[in-house]
Amino acid sequence: MENVFDHTLLWQYAINFVTEYKFLASVVLLVVLHFFKKGLLRLIKRRSSRKGEDRRNQINILEQLGNALIIILLMMVWSSEIQTLAISIAAFMVAIVLATREFIQCFMGFIYYLSARPFRVGDWIQMNSVIGEVVEMDWAKTALLEVDSQTFNYTGKHVYVPNSQLVTQTVRNLNFLRRYKLHSFEIVNEPTVNAYSLLPAFQARAQAHCEYFRDVAERYKGLIERHLEQDFIRIDPEVEIKTNELAKVVVKVSLFCPTVEAHELEHKMCSDWLSLWFKALKEENAQQVNSLNQGQQVQHDSSPASTTSSGL
């Protein structure tokens, strides 16, 4: 009973101190909570680095929750003053809302993120035309480490996107592209060779280039399709031959390959196709030359001068 009385008395003293010395209490509260938050985050970072775990998402959420807790407690301390201030500026409320509309939209975007969780810190996402890895997020903005849309390499630039775009724009989660991607490219040639005659040899070479990562690609394909609940990936390279509006031969190659090796594989396959193409072109030119020489020889043998020489 005495302990309960002591705790009640101590709590009453604390409330009286906060009521009488609000500024000092706010400073003490701010300093204590700030250092407590920093210490807790430092402890989590040490444990994650020691265990080799990626805790960036948890650290980001804890940091934002800590900031929100500090703001809420400060608002509780100054609640009467805030209420008085709110009443005094009621006539200007509409103007304030209009002036802070963007910030309100950003905050609503952050609330949407917390409820829907379309991505996490460390994921690759696309917002508008920007592709990047999420490195940090707070109530106002999302920080992205930009990724080049063609090579999928880091550009070294940081892009800060307002959270309001989470509600108004389409957000694409590209996290599965970090390791493997659906890559396609086209090769355009003049219609001087029958491209379909080169197709079996080219497919065999393309298959040979992709054979060494086939097992890993099969496992990653299964992981992606189970996550998306859709079967749409083919491991073997697909080759399609068509013509464009200029009547040129277009060879389109599609493959599922490691992201970092996509352009290297493209260069190898382009080199293979052009080697086959020029080899076939050389053979065709040689056949045309032989046919022309044979025709000239036949014409020479059947000429009148040749007949007269034979009669003499």
C-alpha atoms as a PDB file:
ATOM      1  CA  MET A   1       0.000   0.000   0.000  1.00  0.00           C
ATOM      2  CA  GLU A   2       2.835   2.353   0.854  1.00  0.00           C
ATOM      3  CA  ASN A   3       4.560   1.557  -2.470  1.00  0.00           C
ATOM      4  CA  VAL A   4       1.395   2.427  -4.354  1.00  0.00           C
ATOM      5  CA  PHE A   5       1.129   5.676  -2.402  1.00  0.00           C
ATOM      6  CA  ASP A   6       4.780   6.503  -3.098  1.00  0.00           C
ATOM      7  CA  HIS A   7       4.368   5.859  -6.820  1.00  0.00           C
ATOM      8  CA  THR A   8       1.215   7.967  -6.920  1.00  0.00           C
ATOM      9  CA  LEU A   9       2.948  10.790  -5.076  1.00  0.00           C
ATOM     10  CA  LEU A  10       5.975  10.596  -7.370  1.00  0.00           C
ATOM     11  CA  TRP A  11       3.732  10.659 -10.445  1.00  0.00           C
ATOM     12  CA  GLN A  12       1.908  13.691  -9.052  1.00  0.00           C
ATOM     13  CA  TYR A  13       5.217  15.492  -8.497  1.00  0.00           C
ATOM     14  CA  ALA A  14       6.239  14.731 -12.084  1.00  0.00           C
ATOM     15  CA  ILE A  15       2.951  16.081 -13.448  1.00  0.00           C
ATOM     16  CA  ASN A  16       3.263  19.233 -11.333  1.00  0.00           C
ATOM     17  CA  PHE A  17       6.855  19.744 -12.537  1.00  0.00           C
ATOM     18  CA  VAL A  18       5.827  19.367 -16.185  1.00  0.00           C
ATOM     19  CA  THR A  19       2.879  21.734 -15.679  1.00  0.00           C
ATOM     20  CA  GLU A  20       4.929  24.426 -13.984  1.00  0.00           C
ATOM     21  CA  TYR A  21       8.167  24.148 -15.977  1.00  0.00           C
ATOM     22  CA  LYS A  22       6.985  23.149 -19.446  1.00  0.00           C
ATOM     23  CA  PHE A  23       9.990  24.502 -21.339  1.00  0.00           C
ATOM     24  CA  LEU A  24      12.508  22.776 -19.064  1.00  0.00           C
ATOM     25  CA  ALA A  25      10.464  19.579 -19.094  1.00  0.00           C
ATOM     26  CA  SER A  26      10.300  19.674 -22.900  1.00  0.00           C
ATOM     27  CA  VAL A  27      14.077  20.049 -23.161  1.00  0.00           C
ATOM     28  CA  VAL A  28      14.695  17.184 -20.709  1.00  0.00           C
ATOM     29  CA  LEU A  29      12.143  14.974 -22.491  1.00  0.00           C
ATOM     30  CA  LEU A  30      13.615  15.753 -25.889  1.00  0.00           C
ATOM     31  CA  VAL A  31      17.205  15.041 -24.800  1.00  0.00           C
ATOM     32  CA  VAL A  32      16.355  11.814 -22.945  1.00  0.00           C
ATOM     33  CA  LEU A  33      14.238  10.357 -25.758  1.00  0.00           C
ATOM     34  CA  HIS A  34      16.750  11.412 -28.413  1.00  0.00           C
ATOM     35  CA  PHE A  35      19.676   9.681 -26.719  1.00  0.00           C
ATOM     36  CA  PHE A  36      17.534   6.647 -25.879  1.00  0.00           C
ATOM     37  CA  LYS A  37      16.523   6.332 -29.545  1.00  0.00           C
ATOM     38  CA  LYS A  38      20.101   6.716 -30.770  1.00  0.00           C
ATOM     39  CA  GLY A  39      21.352   4.151 -28.269  1.00  0.00           C
ATOM     40  CA  LEU A  40      18.681   1.646 -29.255  1.00  0.00           C
ATOM     41  CA  LEU A  41      19.403   2.086 -32.978  1.00  0.00           C
ATOM     42  CA  ARG A  42      23.158   1.770 -32.367  1.00  0.00           C
ATOM     43  CA  LEU A  43      22.558  -1.479 -30.465  1.00  0.00           C
ATOM     44  CA  ILE A  44      20.445  -2.897 -33.291  1.00  0.00           C
ATOM     45  CA  LYS A  45      23.066  -1.913 -35.887  1.00  0.00           C
ATOM     46  CA  ARG A  46      25.832  -3.617 -33.880  1.00  0.00           C
ATOM     47  CA  ARG A  47      23.840  -6.830 -33.555  1.00  0.00           C
ATOM     48  CA  SER A  48      22.861  -6.852 -37.228  1.00  0.00           C
ATOM     49  CA  SER A  49      26.462  -6.224 -38.357  1.00  0.00           C
ATOM     50  CA  ARG A  50      27.734  -8.928 -36.023  1.00  0.00           C
ATOM     51  CA  LYS A  51      25.190 -11.469 -37.323  1.00  0.00           C
ATOM     52  CA  GLY A  52      25.455 -10.295 -40.928  1.00  0.00           C
ATOM     53  CA  GLU A  53      21.741  -9.475 -41.190  1.00  0.00           C
ATOM     54  CA  ASP A  54      20.083  -6.666 -43.147  1.00  0.00           C
ATOM     55  CA  ARG A  55      18.051  -4.684 -40.592  1.00  0.00           C
ATOM     56  CA  ARG A  56      17.797  -1.411 -42.512  1.00  0.00           C
ATOM     57  CA  ASN A  57      14.025  -1.661 -42.811  1.00  0.00           C
ATOM     58  CA  GLN A  58      13.525  -2.251 -39.056  1.00  0.00           C
ATOM     59  CA  ILE A  59      15.968   0.551 -38.209  1.00  0.00           C
ATOM     60  CA  ASN A  60      14.138   2.967 -40.512  1.00  0.00           C
ATOM     61  CA  ILE A  61      10.730   2.118 -38.988  1.00  0.00           C
ATOM     62  CA  LEU A  62      12.030   2.405 -35.400  1.00  0.00           C
ATOM     63  CA  GLU A  63      13.625   5.770 -36.163  1.00  0.00           C
ATOM     64  CA  GLN A  64      10.390   7.161 -37.612  1.00  0.00           C
ATOM     65  CA  LEU A  65       8.316   5.772 -34.722  1.00  0.00           C
ATOM     66  CA  GLY A  66      10.752   7.354 -32.263  1.00  0.00           C
ATOM     67  CA  ASN A  67      10.405  10.726 -33.949  1.00  0.00           C
ATOM     68  CA  ALA A  68       6.610  10.391 -33.893  1.00  0.00           C
ATOM     69  CA  LEU A  69       6.675   9.492 -30.176  1.00  0.00           C
ATOM     70  CA  ILE A  70       8.769  12.585 -29.371  1.00  0.00           C
ATOM     71  CA  ILE A  71       6.344  14.822 -31.272  1.00  0.00           C
ATOM     72  CA  ILE A  72       3.301  13.278 -29.564  1.00  0.00           C
ATOM     73  CA  LEU A  73       4.785  13.677 -26.079  1.00  0.00           C
ATOM     74  CA  LEU A  74       5.742  17.301 -26.766  1.00  0.00           C
ATOM     75  CA  MET A  75       2.224  17.966 -28.003  1.00  0.00           C
ATOM     76  CA  MET A  76       0.848  16.450 -24.778  1.00  0.00           C
ATOM     77  CA  VAL A  77       3.079  18.721 -22.682  1.00  0.00           C
ATOM     78  CA  TRP A  78       1.994  21.824 -24.599  1.00  0.00           C
ATOM     79  CA  SER A  79      -1.589  20.667 -25.203  1.00  0.00           C
ATOM     80  CA  SER A  80      -3.256  23.662 -23.524  1.00  0.00           C
ATOM     81  CA  GLU A  81      -1.107  26.153 -25.422  1.00  0.00           C
ATOM     82  CA  ILE A  82      -1.698  24.294 -28.673  1.00  0.00           C
ATOM     83  CA  GLN A  83      -5.430  24.308 -28.041  1.00  0.00           C
ATOM     84  CA  THR A  84      -5.374  28.020 -27.366  1.00  0.00           C
ATOM     85  CA  LEU A  85      -3.296  28.622 -30.454  1.00  0.00           C
ATOM     86  CA  ALA A  86      -5.646  26.508 -32.558  1.00  0.00           C
ATOM     87  CA  ILE A  87      -8.636  28.486 -31.381  1.00  0.00           C
ATOM     88  CA  SER A  88      -6.888  31.791 -32.021  1.00  0.00           C
ATOM     89  CA  ILE A  89      -6.027  30.883 -35.622  1.00  0.00           C
ATOM     90  CA  ALA A  90      -9.360  29.267 -36.496  1.00  0.00           C
ATOM     91  CA  ALA A  91     -10.082  32.079 -38.939  1.00  0.00           C
ATOM     92  CA  PHE A  92      -6.862  31.284 -40.832  1.00  0.00           C
ATOM     93  CA  MET A  93      -7.332  27.510 -40.856  1.00  0.00           C
ATOM     94  CA  VAL A  94      -8.368  27.322 -44.484  1.00  0.00           C
ATOM     95  CA  ALA A  95      -5.331  29.307 -45.595  1.00  0.00           C
ATOM     96  CA  ILE A  96      -3.038  27.131 -43.502  1.00  0.00           C
ATOM     97  CA  VAL A  97      -4.498  23.941 -44.974  1.00  0.00           C
ATOM     98  CA  LEU A  98      -4.026  25.284 -48.491  1.00  0.00           C
ATOM     99  CA  ALA A  99      -0.468  26.364 -47.719  1.00  0.00           C
ATOM    100  CA  THR A 100       0.464  22.989 -46.216  1.00  0.00           C
ATOM    101  CA  ARG A 101      -1.467  20.872 -48.709  1.00  0.00           C
ATOM    102  CA  GLU A 102       1.664  19.252 -50.148  1.00  0.00           C
ATOM    103  CA  PHE A 103       2.941  18.321 -46.696  1.00  0.00           C
ATOM    104  CA  ILE A 104      -0.445  16.846 -45.782  1.00  0.00           C
ATOM    105  CA  GLN A 105      -0.432  14.791 -48.981  1.00  0.00           C
ATOM    106  CA  CYS A 106       3.082  13.572 -48.186  1.00  0.00           C
ATOM    107  CA  PHE A 107       1.975  12.526 -44.715  1.00  0.00           C
ATOM    108  CA  MET A 108      -1.073  10.714 -46.160  1.00  0.00           C
ATOM    109  CA  GLY A 109       1.256   8.967 -48.604  1.00  0.00           C
ATOM    110  CA  PHE A 110       3.364   7.783 -45.664  1.00  0.00           C
ATOM    111  CA  ILE A 111       0.212   6.487 -43.934  1.00  0.00           C
ATOM    112  CA  TYR A 112      -0.680   4.642 -47.140  1.00  0.00           C
ATOM    113  CA  TYR A 113       2.816   3.118 -47.220  1.00  0.00           C
ATOM    114  CA  LEU A 114       2.506   1.887 -43.634  1.00  0.00           C
ATOM    115  CA  SER A 115      -0.857   0.275 -44.359  1.00  0.00           C
ATOM    116  CA  ALA A 116      -0.222  -1.197 -47.820  1.00  0.00           C
ATOM    117  CA  ARG A 117       3.560  -1.823 -47.633  1.00  0.00           C
ATOM    118  CA  PRO A 118       4.068  -1.922 -51.447  1.00  0.00           C
ATOM    119  CA  PHE A 119       7.843  -2.027 -50.918  1.00  0.00           C
ATOM    120  CA  ARG A 120      10.506  -2.061 -48.221  1.00  0.00           C
ATOM    121  CA  VAL A 121      13.850  -0.388 -47.664  1.00  0.00           C
ATOM    122  CA  GLY A 122      16.299  -2.209 -49.933  1.00  0.00           C
ATOM    123  CA  ASP A 123      13.764  -2.972 -52.699  1.00  0.00           C
ATOM    124  CA  TRP A 124      14.054  -1.756 -56.277  1.00  0.00           C
ATOM    125  CA  ILE A 125      11.046   0.329 -57.334  1.00  0.00           C
ATOM    126  CA  GLN A 126       9.976   2.515 -60.252  1.00  0.00           C
ATOM    127  CA  MET A 127       8.121   5.774 -59.621  1.00  0.00           C
ATOM    128  CA  ASN A 128       7.257   7.638 -62.828  1.00  0.00           C
ATOM    129  CA  SER A 129      10.404   7.296 -64.951  1.00  0.00           C
ATOM    130  CA  VAL A 130      12.794   6.902 -61.996  1.00  0.00           C
ATOM    131  CA  ILE A 131      14.170   3.472 -61.070  1.00  0.00           C
ATOM    132  CA  GLY A 132      16.151   3.075 -57.879  1.00  0.00           C
ATOM    133  CA  GLU A 133      16.811   1.221 -54.637  1.00  0.00           C
ATOM    134  CA  VAL A 134      14.933   2.495 -51.587  1.00  0.00           C
ATOM    135  CA  VAL A 135      17.581   3.578 -49.071  1.00  0.00           C
ATOM    136  CA  GLU A 136      15.517   5.686 -46.664  1.00  0.00           C
ATOM    137  CA  MET A 137      11.947   6.778 -46.074  1.00  0.00           C
ATOM    138  CA  ASP A 138      10.330   9.249 -43.672  1.00  0.00           C
ATOM    139  CA  TRP A 139       6.940  10.928 -43.453  1.00  0.00           C
ATOM    140  CA  ALA A 140       7.757  13.470 -46.200  1.00  0.00           C
ATOM    141  CA  LYS A 141       9.927  11.756 -48.818  1.00  0.00           C
ATOM    142  CA  THR A 142      11.372   8.527 -50.166  1.00  0.00           C
ATOM    143  CA  ALA A 143      15.110   8.475 -50.949  1.00  0.00           C
ATOM    144  CA  LEU A 144      16.199   6.325 -53.905  1.00  0.00           C
ATOM    145  CA  LEU A 145      19.670   5.336 -55.069  1.00  0.00           C
ATOM    146  CA  GLU A 146      19.138   5.707 -58.827  1.00  0.00           C
ATOM    147  CA  VAL A 147      19.568   2.679 -61.104  1.00  0.00           C
ATOM    148  CA  ASP A 148      20.090   3.020 -64.861  1.00  0.00           C
ATOM    149  CA  SER A 149      17.068   1.632 -66.718  1.00  0.00           C
ATOM    150  CA  GLN A 150      19.199   0.142 -69.521  1.00  0.00           C
ATOM    151  CA  THR A 151      22.154  -1.440 -67.733  1.00  0.00           C
ATOM    152  CA  PHE A 152      20.597  -1.775 -64.232  1.00  0.00           C
ATOM    153  CA  ASN A 153      23.785  -0.382 -62.692  1.00  0.00           C
ATOM    154  CA  TYR A 154      23.864   2.243 -59.945  1.00  0.00           C
ATOM    155  CA  THR A 155      24.385   5.758 -61.273  1.00  0.00           C
ATOM    156  CA  GLY A 156      25.569   7.133 -57.923  1.00  0.00           C
ATOM    157  CA  LYS A 157      22.766   9.729 -57.804  1.00  0.00           C
ATOM    158  CA  HIS A 158      20.236  10.049 -54.990  1.00  0.00           C
ATOM    159  CA  VAL A 159      16.646  10.865 -55.989  1.00  0.00           C
ATOM    160  CA  TYR A 160      14.193  12.229 -53.410  1.00  0.00           C
ATOM    161  CA  VAL A 161      10.548  11.578 -54.284  1.00  0.00           C
ATOM    162  CA  PRO A 162       7.695  13.201 -52.296  1.00  0.00           C
ATOM    163  CA  ASN A 163       5.470  10.640 -50.589  1.00  0.00           C
ATOM    164  CA  SER A 164       2.421  12.264 -52.172  1.00  0.00           C
ATOM    165  CA  GLN A 165       3.315  10.390 -55.378  1.00  0.00           C
ATOM    166  CA  LEU A 166       2.714   7.089 -53.590  1.00  0.00           C
ATOM    167  CA  VAL A 167      -1.004   7.900 -53.762  1.00  0.00           C
ATOM    168  CA  THR A 168      -1.218   9.746 -57.082  1.00  0.00           C
ATOM    169  CA  GLN A 169       1.308   7.792 -59.206  1.00  0.00           C
ATOM    170  CA  THR A 170       1.867   4.146 -60.088  1.00  0.00           C
ATOM    171  CA  VAL A 171       4.587   2.440 -58.054  1.00  0.00           C
ATOM    172  CA  ARG A 172       6.205  -0.650 -59.577  1.00  0.00           C
ATOM    173  CA  ASN A 173       8.158  -3.044 -57.369  1.00  0.00           C
ATOM    174  CA  LEU A 174      11.131  -4.265 -59.435  1.00  0.00           C
ATOM    175  CA  ASN A 175      12.878  -6.142 -56.657  1.00  0.00           C
ATOM    176  CA  PHE A 176      13.065  -9.415 -58.625  1.00  0.00           C
ATOM    177  CA  LEU A 177      15.135  -7.578 -61.299  1.00  0.00           C
ATOM    178  CA  ARG A 178      18.032  -7.208 -58.880  1.00  0.00           C
ATOM    179  CA  ARG A 179      19.336 -10.664 -59.804  1.00  0.00           C
ATOM    180  CA  TYR A 180      17.545 -11.849 -62.957  1.00  0.00           C
ATOM    181  CA  LYS A 181      15.634  -9.997 -65.660  1.00  0.00           C
ATOM    182  CA  LEU A 182      13.706 -10.592 -68.851  1.00  0.00           C
ATOM    183  CA  HIS A 183      16.069  -9.098 -71.430  1.00  0.00           C
ATOM    184  CA  SER A 184      15.293  -8.617 -75.119  1.00  0.00           C
ATOM    185  CA  PHE A 185      17.142  -6.995 -77.995  1.00  0.00           C
ATOM    186  CA  GLU A 186      16.954  -6.772 -81.792  1.00  0.00           C
ATOM    187  CA  ILE A 187      19.457  -7.195 -84.625  1.00  0.00           C
ATOM    188  CA  VAL A 188      18.699  -5.549 -87.976  1.00  0.00           C
ATOM    189  CA  ASN A 189      20.231  -6.760 -91.269  1.00  0.00           C
ATOM    190  CA  GLU A 190      19.761  -6.190 -94.957  1.00  0.00           C
ATOM    191  CA  PRO A 191      17.676  -8.947 -96.634  1.00  0.00           C
ATOM    192  CA  THR A 192      20.631 -10.437 -98.520  1.00  0.00           C
ATOM    193  CA  VAL A 193      20.662 -13.855 -96.818  1.00  0.00           C
ATOM    194  CA  ASN A 194      17.929 -16.332 -95.926  1.00  0.00           C
ATOM    195  CA  ALA A 195      17.794 -15.690 -92.169  1.00  0.00           C
ATOM    196  CA  TYR A 196      15.766 -18.835 -91.453  1.00  0.00           C
ATOM    197  CA  SER A 197      18.627 -21.018 -92.679  1.00  0.00           C
ATOM    198  CA  LEU A 198      20.820 -19.553 -89.902  1.00  0.00           C
ATOM    199  CA  LEU A 199      18.210 -20.008 -87.169  1.00  0.00           C
ATOM    200  CA  PRO A 200      19.144 -23.534 -85.918  1.00  0.00           C
ATOM    201  CA  ALA A 201      22.859 -22.731 -85.595  1.00  0.00           C
ATOM    202  CA  PHE A 202      22.168 -19.409 -83.882  1.00  0.00           C
ATOM    203  CA  GLN A 203      19.733 -20.975 -81.396  1.00  0.00           C
ATOM    204  CA  ALA A 204      22.312 -23.609 -80.522  1.00  0.00           C
ATOM    205  CA  ARG A 205      24.940 -20.932 -79.823  1.00  0.00           C
ATOM    206  CA  ALA A 206      22.516 -18.832 -77.779  1.00  0.00           C
ATOM    207  CA  GLN A 207      21.535 -21.883 -75.738  1.00  0.00           C
ATOM    208  CA  ALA A 208      25.214 -22.631 -75.082  1.00  0.00           C
ATOM    209  CA  HIS A 209      25.785 -19.105 -73.722  1.00  0.00           C
ATOM    210  CA  CYS A 210      22.909 -19.538 -71.222  1.00  0.00           C
ATOM    211  CA  GLU A 211      23.650 -23.093 -70.124  1.00  0.00           C
ATOM    212  CA  TYR A 212      25.933 -22.294 -67.189  1.00  0.00           C
ATOM    213  CA  PHE A 213      23.282 -20.362 -65.210  1.00  0.00           C
ATOM    214  CA  ARG A 214      20.292 -22.520 -66.190  1.00  0.00           C
ATOM    215  CA  ASP A 215      19.916 -24.260 -62.800  1.00  0.00           C
ATOM    216  CA  VAL A 216      19.954 -20.995 -60.844  1.00  0.00           C
ATOM    217  CA  ALA A 217      17.575 -19.415 -63.350  1.00  0.00           C
ATOM    218  CA  GLU A 218      15.137 -22.320 -62.899  1.00  0.00           C
ATOM    219  CA  ARG A 219      15.073 -21.802 -59.125  1.00  0.00           C
ATOM    220  CA  TYR A 220      14.725 -18.052 -59.428  1.00  0.00           C
ATOM    221  CA  LYS A 221      11.983 -18.469 -62.060  1.00  0.00           C
ATOM    222  CA  GLY A 222      10.023 -20.666 -59.659  1.00  0.00           C
ATOM    223  CA  LEU A 223      10.439 -18.123 -56.856  1.00  0.00           C
ATOM    224  CA  ILE A 224       9.181 -15.223 -59.007  1.00  0.00           C
ATOM    225  CA  GLU A 225       6.237 -17.145 -60.447  1.00  0.00           C
ATOM    226  CA  ARG A 226       5.138 -18.377 -57.021  1.00  0.00           C
ATOM    227  CA  HIS A 227       5.293 -14.822 -55.708  1.00  0.00           C
ATOM    228  CA  LEU A 228       3.351 -13.361 -58.657  1.00  0.00           C
ATOM    229  CA  GLU A 229       1.101 -16.431 -59.058  1.00  0.00           C
ATOM    230  CA  GLN A 230       1.654 -16.352 -62.810  1.00  0.00           C
ATOM    231  CA  ASP A 231       3.643 -18.589 -65.180  1.00  0.00           C
ATOM    232  CA  PHE A 232       5.227 -16.263 -67.757  1.00  0.00           C
ATOM    233  CA  ILE A 233       8.996 -16.931 -67.822  1.00  0.00           C
ATOM    234  CA  ARG A 234      10.854 -19.206 -70.259  1.00  0.00           C
ATOM    235  CA  ILE A 235      14.424 -20.205 -69.490  1.00  0.00           C
ATOM    236  CA  ASP A 236      15.565 -21.038 -73.036  1.00  0.00           C
ATOM    237  CA  PRO A 237      16.339 -18.064 -75.315  1.00  0.00           C
ATOM    238  CA  GLU A 238      13.568 -17.270 -77.787  1.00  0.00           C
ATOM    239  CA  VAL A 239      14.483 -16.092 -81.297  1.00  0.00           C
ATOM    240  CA  GLU A 240      11.940 -14.451 -83.595  1.00  0.00           C
ATOM    241  CA  ILE A 241      12.608 -13.355 -87.184  1.00  0.00           C
ATOM    242  CA  LYS A 242      10.480 -10.668 -88.787  1.00  0.00           C
ATOM    243  CA  THR A 243      10.732  -7.635 -91.073  1.00  0.00           C
ATOM    244  CA  ASN A 244      10.247  -3.956 -90.302  1.00  0.00           C
ATOM    245  CA  GLU A 245       8.621  -1.149 -92.265  1.00  0.00           C
ATOM    246  CA  LEU A 246      11.862  -0.681 -94.271  1.00  0.00           C
ATOM    247  CA  ALA A 247      11.808  -4.314 -95.462  1.00  0.00           C
ATOM    248  CA  LYS A 248      14.890  -5.160 -93.414  1.00  0.00           C
ATOM    249  CA  VAL A 249      15.355  -8.413 -91.507  1.00  0.00           C
ATOM    250  CA  VAL A 250      14.869  -8.040 -87.740  1.00  0.00           C
ATOM    251  CA  VAL A 251      16.006 -10.757 -85.351  1.00  0.00           C
ATOM    252  CA  LYS A 252      14.465 -10.382 -81.887  1.00  0.00           C
ATOM    253  CA  VAL A 253      16.050 -12.351 -79.034  1.00  0.00           C
ATOM    254  CA  SER A 254      14.412 -12.716 -75.595  1.00  0.00           C
ATOM    255  CA  LEU A 255      16.058 -14.425 -72.648  1.00  0.00           C
ATOM    256  CA  PHE A 256      15.865 -14.730 -68.854  1.00  0.00           C
ATOM    257  CA  CYS A 257      19.363 -14.042 -67.566  1.00  0.00           C
ATOM    258  CA  PRO A 258      21.369 -12.495 -64.682  1.00  0.00           C
ATOM    259  CA  THR A 259      20.874  -8.736 -64.617  1.00  0.00           C
ATOM    260  CA  VAL A 260      24.583  -7.904 -64.423  1.00  0.00           C
ATOM    261  CA  GLU A 261      25.389 -10.140 -67.428  1.00  0.00           C
ATOM    262  CA  ALA A 262      22.513  -9.142 -69.714  1.00  0.00           C
ATOM    263  CA  HIS A 263      24.502  -6.784 -71.945  1.00  0.00           C
ATOM    264  CA  GLU A 264      27.516  -9.097 -72.102  1.00  0.00           C
ATOM    265  CA  LEU A 265      25.247 -11.920 -73.301  1.00  0.00           C
ATOM    266  CA  GLU A 266      23.670  -9.538 -75.808  1.00  0.00           C
ATOM    267  CA  HIS A 267      27.090  -8.679 -77.256  1.00  0.00           C
ATOM    268  CA  LYS A 268      28.052 -12.359 -77.516  1.00  0.00           C
ATOM    269  CA  MET A 269      24.821 -13.275 -79.295  1.00  0.00           C
ATOM    270  CA  CYS A 270      25.094 -10.306 -81.646  1.00  0.00           C
ATOM    271  CA  SER A 271      28.616 -11.399 -82.499  1.00  0.00           C
ATOM    272  CA  ASP A 272      27.428 -14.966 -83.169  1.00  0.00           C
ATOM    273  CA  TRP A 273      24.594 -13.837 -85.425  1.00  0.00           C
ATOM    274  CA  LEU A 274      26.773 -11.471 -87.435  1.00  0.00           C
ATOM    275  CA  SER A 275      29.437 -14.177 -87.807  1.00  0.00           C
ATOM    276  CA  LEU A 276      26.852 -16.588 -89.196  1.00  0.00           C
ATOM    277  CA  TRP A 277      25.347 -13.854 -91.361  1.00  0.00           C
ATOM    278  CA  PHE A 278      28.629 -12.757 -92.985  1.00  0.00           C
ATOM    279  CA  LYS A 279      29.745 -16.348 -93.410  1.00  0.00           C
ATOM    280  CA  ALA A 280      26.521 -17.151 -95.276  1.00  0.00           C
ATOM    281  CA  LEU A 281      26.845 -13.919 -97.266  1.00  0.00           C
ATOM    282  CA  LYS A 282      30.416 -14.816 -98.231  1.00  0.00           C
ATOM    283  CA  GLU A 283      29.375 -18.292 -99.343  1.00  0.00           C
ATOM    284  CA  GLU A 284      26.498 -16.883-101.359  1.00  0.00           C
ATOM    285  CA  ASN A 285      28.782 -14.357-103.043  1.00  0.00           C
ATOM    286  CA  ALA A 286      31.244 -17.136-103.819  1.00  0.00           C
ATOM    287  CA  GLN A 287      28.471 -19.204-105.388  1.00  0.00           C
ATOM    288  CA  GLN A 288      27.376 -16.248-107.456  1.00  0.00           C
ATOM    289  CA  VAL A 289      30.947 -15.702-108.672  1.00  0.00           C
ATOM    290  CA  ASN A 290      31.300 -19.390-109.576  1.00  0.00           C
ATOM    291  CA  SER A 291      27.991 -19.339-111.413  1.00  0.00           C
ATOM    292  CA  LEU A 292      29.054 -16.228-113.288  1.00  0.00           C
ATOM    293  CA  ASN A 293      32.408 -17.775-114.223  1.00  0.00           C
ATOM    294  CA  GLN A 294      30.729 -20.955-115.421  1.00  0.00           C
ATOM    295  CA  GLY A 295      28.285 -18.927-117.507  1.00  0.00           C
ATOM    296  CA  GLN A 296      31.116 -16.969-119.101  1.00  0.00           C
ATOM    297  CA  GLN A 297      33.001 -20.199-119.824  1.00  0.00           C
ATOM    298  CA  VAL A 298      29.981 -21.758-121.503  1.00  0.00           C
ATOM    299  CA  GLN A 299      29.450 -18.595-123.535  1.00  0.00           C
ATOM    300  CA  HIS A 300      33.106 -18.597-124.578  1.00  0.00           C
ATOM    301  CA  ASP A 301      33.000 -22.264-125.638  1.00  0.00           C
ATOM    302  CA  SER A 302      29.905 -21.701-127.758  1.00  0.00           C
ATOM    303  CA  SER A 303      31.227 -18.586-129.525  1.00  0.00           C
ATOM    304  CA  PRO A 304      31.921 -18.713-133.438  1.00  0.00           C
ATOM    305  CA  ALA A 305      35.662 -18.144-132.960  1.00  0.00           C
ATOM    306  CA  SER A 306      35.891 -21.232-130.814  1.00  0.00           C
ATOM    307  CA  THR A 307      33.926 -23.271-133.431  1.00  0.00           C
ATOM    308  CA  THR A 308      36.210 -22.126-136.315  1.00  0.00           C
ATOM    309  CA  SER A 309      39.337 -22.943-134.352  1.00  0.00           C
ATOM    310  CA  SER A 310      37.983 -26.406-133.677  1.00  0.00           C
ATOM    311  CA  GLY A 311      37.246 -26.998-137.426  1.00  0.00           C
ATOM    312  CA  LEU A 312      40.747 -25.987-138.482  1.00  0.00           C
END
